[in-house]
Protein backbone atom coordinates (compact mmCIF):
# COMPACT_ATOMS: atom_id res chain seq x y z
CA UNK A 1 50.77 108.27 68.29
CA UNK A 2 48.77 108.39 65.05
CA UNK A 3 45.39 106.76 65.20
CA UNK A 4 44.42 104.34 62.47
CA UNK A 5 40.85 105.13 61.58
CA UNK A 6 40.68 102.62 58.75
CA UNK A 7 37.86 100.13 59.24
CA UNK A 8 38.96 96.71 60.39
CA UNK A 9 38.97 94.04 57.71
CA UNK A 10 35.72 92.18 57.92
CA UNK A 11 35.76 88.41 58.16
CA UNK A 12 33.66 87.03 55.35
CA UNK A 13 31.48 84.27 56.67
CA UNK A 14 30.49 81.39 54.49
CA UNK A 15 26.71 81.16 54.10
CA UNK A 16 25.25 78.47 56.31
CA UNK A 17 24.67 75.29 54.33
CA UNK A 18 21.63 73.11 54.79
CA UNK A 19 21.95 69.56 56.05
CA UNK A 20 20.89 68.29 52.63
CA UNK A 21 23.62 70.30 50.90
CA UNK A 22 26.28 69.09 53.34
CA UNK A 23 25.19 65.48 52.85
CA UNK A 24 25.19 65.91 49.07
CA UNK A 25 28.70 67.39 49.08
CA UNK A 26 30.01 64.55 51.24
CA UNK A 27 28.43 61.82 49.10
CA UNK A 28 29.66 63.40 45.86
CA UNK A 29 33.21 63.78 47.17
CA UNK A 30 33.18 60.24 48.58
CA UNK A 31 31.96 58.66 45.33
CA UNK A 32 34.64 60.52 43.37
CA UNK A 33 37.48 59.53 45.69
CA UNK A 34 36.36 55.91 45.98
CA UNK A 35 36.30 55.77 42.18
CA UNK A 36 39.81 57.21 41.92
CA UNK A 37 41.56 55.31 44.70
CA UNK A 38 39.38 52.39 45.71
CA UNK A 39 37.96 51.77 49.15
CA UNK A 40 41.25 51.01 50.88
CA UNK A 41 43.19 54.07 49.75
CA UNK A 42 40.41 56.65 50.04
CA UNK A 43 40.49 58.44 53.39
CA UNK A 44 37.73 60.28 55.21
CA UNK A 45 40.16 63.16 55.75
CA UNK A 46 40.59 63.66 52.01
CA UNK A 47 36.85 63.21 51.43
CA UNK A 48 36.19 65.94 54.02
CA UNK A 49 38.70 68.23 52.32
CA UNK A 50 37.07 67.76 48.93
CA UNK A 51 33.61 68.27 50.37
CA UNK A 52 34.82 71.36 52.24
CA UNK A 53 33.56 70.09 55.58
CA UNK A 54 35.21 69.10 58.83
CA UNK A 55 36.00 65.39 59.11
CA UNK A 56 33.94 65.11 62.28
CA UNK A 57 30.91 66.27 60.31
CA UNK A 58 31.23 63.15 58.17
CA UNK A 59 31.29 60.90 61.21
CA UNK A 60 28.27 62.60 62.71
CA UNK A 61 26.30 61.52 59.64
CA UNK A 62 28.10 58.29 58.76
CA UNK A 63 29.57 56.54 61.83
CA UNK A 64 32.13 54.55 59.83
CA UNK A 65 33.93 54.68 56.51
CA UNK A 66 32.02 51.56 55.46
CA UNK A 67 28.71 53.30 56.17
CA UNK A 68 29.84 56.22 54.01
CA UNK A 69 30.86 53.85 51.19
CA UNK A 70 27.48 52.14 51.31
CA UNK A 71 25.63 55.47 51.18
CA UNK A 72 27.80 57.01 48.46
CA UNK A 73 28.34 53.99 46.21
CA UNK A 74 26.56 50.76 47.07
CA UNK A 75 23.04 52.07 47.59
CA UNK A 76 22.94 54.27 44.45
CA UNK A 77 24.52 51.51 42.36
CA UNK A 78 22.03 48.91 43.58
CA UNK A 79 19.20 51.34 42.95
CA UNK A 80 20.06 52.06 39.32
CA UNK A 81 20.86 48.42 38.57
CA UNK A 82 17.68 47.21 40.24
CA UNK A 83 15.59 49.71 38.30
CA UNK A 84 17.09 48.50 35.04
CA UNK A 85 16.62 44.78 35.68
CA UNK A 86 13.16 45.18 37.25
CA UNK A 87 11.91 47.01 34.16
CA UNK A 88 13.22 44.28 31.88
CA UNK A 89 11.87 41.41 33.97
CA UNK A 90 8.45 43.07 34.29
CA UNK A 91 8.11 43.50 30.52
CA UNK A 92 5.90 41.11 28.52
CA UNK A 93 7.58 38.09 27.00
CA UNK A 94 9.79 39.49 24.23
CA UNK A 95 7.93 38.88 21.00
CA UNK A 96 9.83 41.18 18.70
CA UNK A 97 12.85 40.35 16.67
CA UNK A 98 16.11 39.76 18.60
CA UNK A 99 17.42 42.83 16.81
CA UNK A 100 14.77 44.98 18.48
CA UNK A 101 15.35 43.47 21.91
CA UNK A 102 19.12 43.81 21.70
CA UNK A 103 18.85 47.36 20.37
CA UNK A 104 16.79 48.33 23.42
CA UNK A 105 19.07 46.46 25.81
CA UNK A 106 22.26 48.07 24.48
CA UNK A 107 20.79 51.56 24.27
CA UNK A 108 19.38 51.50 27.79
CA UNK A 109 22.43 49.94 29.43
CA UNK A 110 24.80 52.24 27.55
CA UNK A 111 22.83 55.31 28.65
CA UNK A 112 22.55 54.09 32.24
CA UNK A 113 26.25 53.32 32.64
CA UNK A 114 27.16 56.58 30.90
CA UNK A 115 25.17 58.48 33.52
CA UNK A 116 26.68 56.48 36.40
CA UNK A 117 30.31 55.98 35.38
CA UNK A 118 31.54 57.18 38.76
CA UNK A 119 29.55 54.53 40.65
CA UNK A 120 30.69 51.74 38.33
CA UNK A 121 34.31 52.88 38.67
CA UNK A 122 34.01 53.06 42.46
CA UNK A 123 32.59 49.54 42.66
CA UNK A 124 35.28 48.21 40.34
CA UNK A 125 38.04 49.93 42.31
CA UNK A 126 36.71 48.50 45.58
CA UNK A 127 36.52 44.96 44.24
CA UNK A 128 32.76 44.82 44.90
CA UNK A 129 31.48 45.08 41.34
CA UNK A 130 31.18 41.35 40.66
CA UNK A 131 29.31 40.56 43.86
CA UNK A 132 26.86 43.44 43.44
CA UNK A 133 25.98 42.55 39.85
CA UNK A 134 25.40 38.81 40.29
CA UNK A 135 21.69 39.07 41.26
CA UNK A 136 20.97 41.43 38.37
CA UNK A 137 22.79 39.21 35.87
CA UNK A 138 20.89 36.18 37.14
CA UNK A 139 17.65 38.04 36.53
CA UNK A 140 18.66 39.07 33.03
CA UNK A 141 19.51 35.46 32.21
CA UNK A 142 15.79 34.71 32.47
CA UNK A 143 15.11 37.33 29.84
CA UNK A 144 17.82 35.84 27.63
CA UNK A 145 16.38 32.35 28.05
CA UNK A 146 12.92 33.54 26.97
CA UNK A 147 14.36 35.26 23.90
CA UNK A 148 16.32 32.14 22.93
CA UNK A 149 13.27 29.89 23.35
CA UNK A 150 10.85 32.27 21.62
CA UNK A 151 13.02 32.65 18.53
CA UNK A 152 14.64 29.21 18.45
CA UNK A 153 18.14 30.60 19.00
CA UNK A 154 20.99 28.41 20.22
CA UNK A 155 23.01 30.84 22.33
CA UNK A 156 23.79 30.04 25.97
CA UNK A 157 21.74 32.56 28.04
CA UNK A 158 23.94 32.29 31.13
CA UNK A 159 27.11 33.16 29.26
CA UNK A 160 25.65 35.36 26.55
CA UNK A 161 23.90 37.74 28.93
CA UNK A 162 27.08 38.22 30.93
CA UNK A 163 29.19 38.72 27.81
CA UNK A 164 26.71 41.25 26.42
CA UNK A 165 26.47 43.18 29.69
CA UNK A 166 30.23 43.23 30.24
CA UNK A 167 30.86 44.37 26.68
CA UNK A 168 28.41 47.27 26.91
CA UNK A 169 29.65 48.33 30.35
CA UNK A 170 33.34 48.13 29.42
CA UNK A 171 32.91 49.97 26.13
CA UNK A 172 30.85 52.68 27.81
CA UNK A 173 33.40 53.16 30.59
CA UNK A 174 36.17 53.60 28.00
CA UNK A 175 34.09 55.50 25.48
CA UNK A 176 35.68 58.90 26.02
CA UNK A 177 39.19 57.46 25.79
CA UNK A 178 38.87 55.00 22.92
CA UNK A 179 35.73 55.93 21.00
CA UNK A 180 35.48 59.69 21.28
CA UNK A 181 32.81 61.10 19.00
CA UNK A 182 31.47 57.69 17.95
CA UNK A 183 28.08 58.32 19.55
CA UNK A 184 25.25 56.38 17.91
CA UNK A 185 27.72 54.51 15.70
CA UNK A 186 29.15 52.87 18.79
CA UNK A 187 25.75 51.65 19.99
CA UNK A 188 24.85 50.44 16.50
CA UNK A 189 28.08 48.46 16.20
CA UNK A 190 27.58 46.78 19.57
CA UNK A 191 24.06 45.81 18.54
CA UNK A 192 25.31 44.43 15.21
CA UNK A 193 27.93 42.29 16.93
CA UNK A 194 25.49 40.94 19.54
CA UNK A 195 22.81 40.16 16.97
CA UNK A 196 25.36 38.31 14.86
CA UNK A 197 26.47 36.32 17.89
CA UNK A 198 22.88 35.50 18.90
CA UNK A 199 22.03 34.19 15.44
CA UNK A 200 25.32 32.38 14.92
CA UNK A 201 25.04 28.58 14.59
CA UNK A 202 28.21 26.58 15.11
CA UNK A 203 28.93 24.18 12.27
CA UNK A 204 29.41 20.90 14.12
CA UNK A 205 31.32 19.44 11.19
CA UNK A 206 34.11 21.96 11.82
CA UNK A 207 34.59 21.11 15.49
CA UNK A 208 37.34 18.79 16.60
């Protein structure tokens, strides 16, 4: 019988990954899937497949799907939103023109949402976006109220802050689909519209 002297095919082992790398892969895959399918339809099995780990590895780190959702989506979202609102609330009383304040607000929020689209989408898909943003919006209302009082403007801070934030967030989330290539023009146009709204005075003689 002929002897096969060819060397046996070697099994290529995957390099051992660190705990930090495994955790990062799981959180990244989870955030992506929660954004695509929402909390209810995203499964830990699919998350494990995308992260290229065994499903039991996920549960060793995160005991439940809810714990994974909190680590992948809620905590990072709260962190970036808290950082944004804390910086605004800690700033001195706005003394510049409303144009300057709104320019800064739109630019910063647009950049922040642009860098965290996946988290915003995951929160929206899960139905948790409104609840998570209420404290931040309440804080920003205080900033809006100071601006209105400082400059003698008649806008409603409670409504105006929410409208401004929703507009910037929604436009940023759809930027690649509806405003591709607009760049700075998009930010400038949002600022123009918000400044016009802030300075607008309703003519009471035209109301019915």
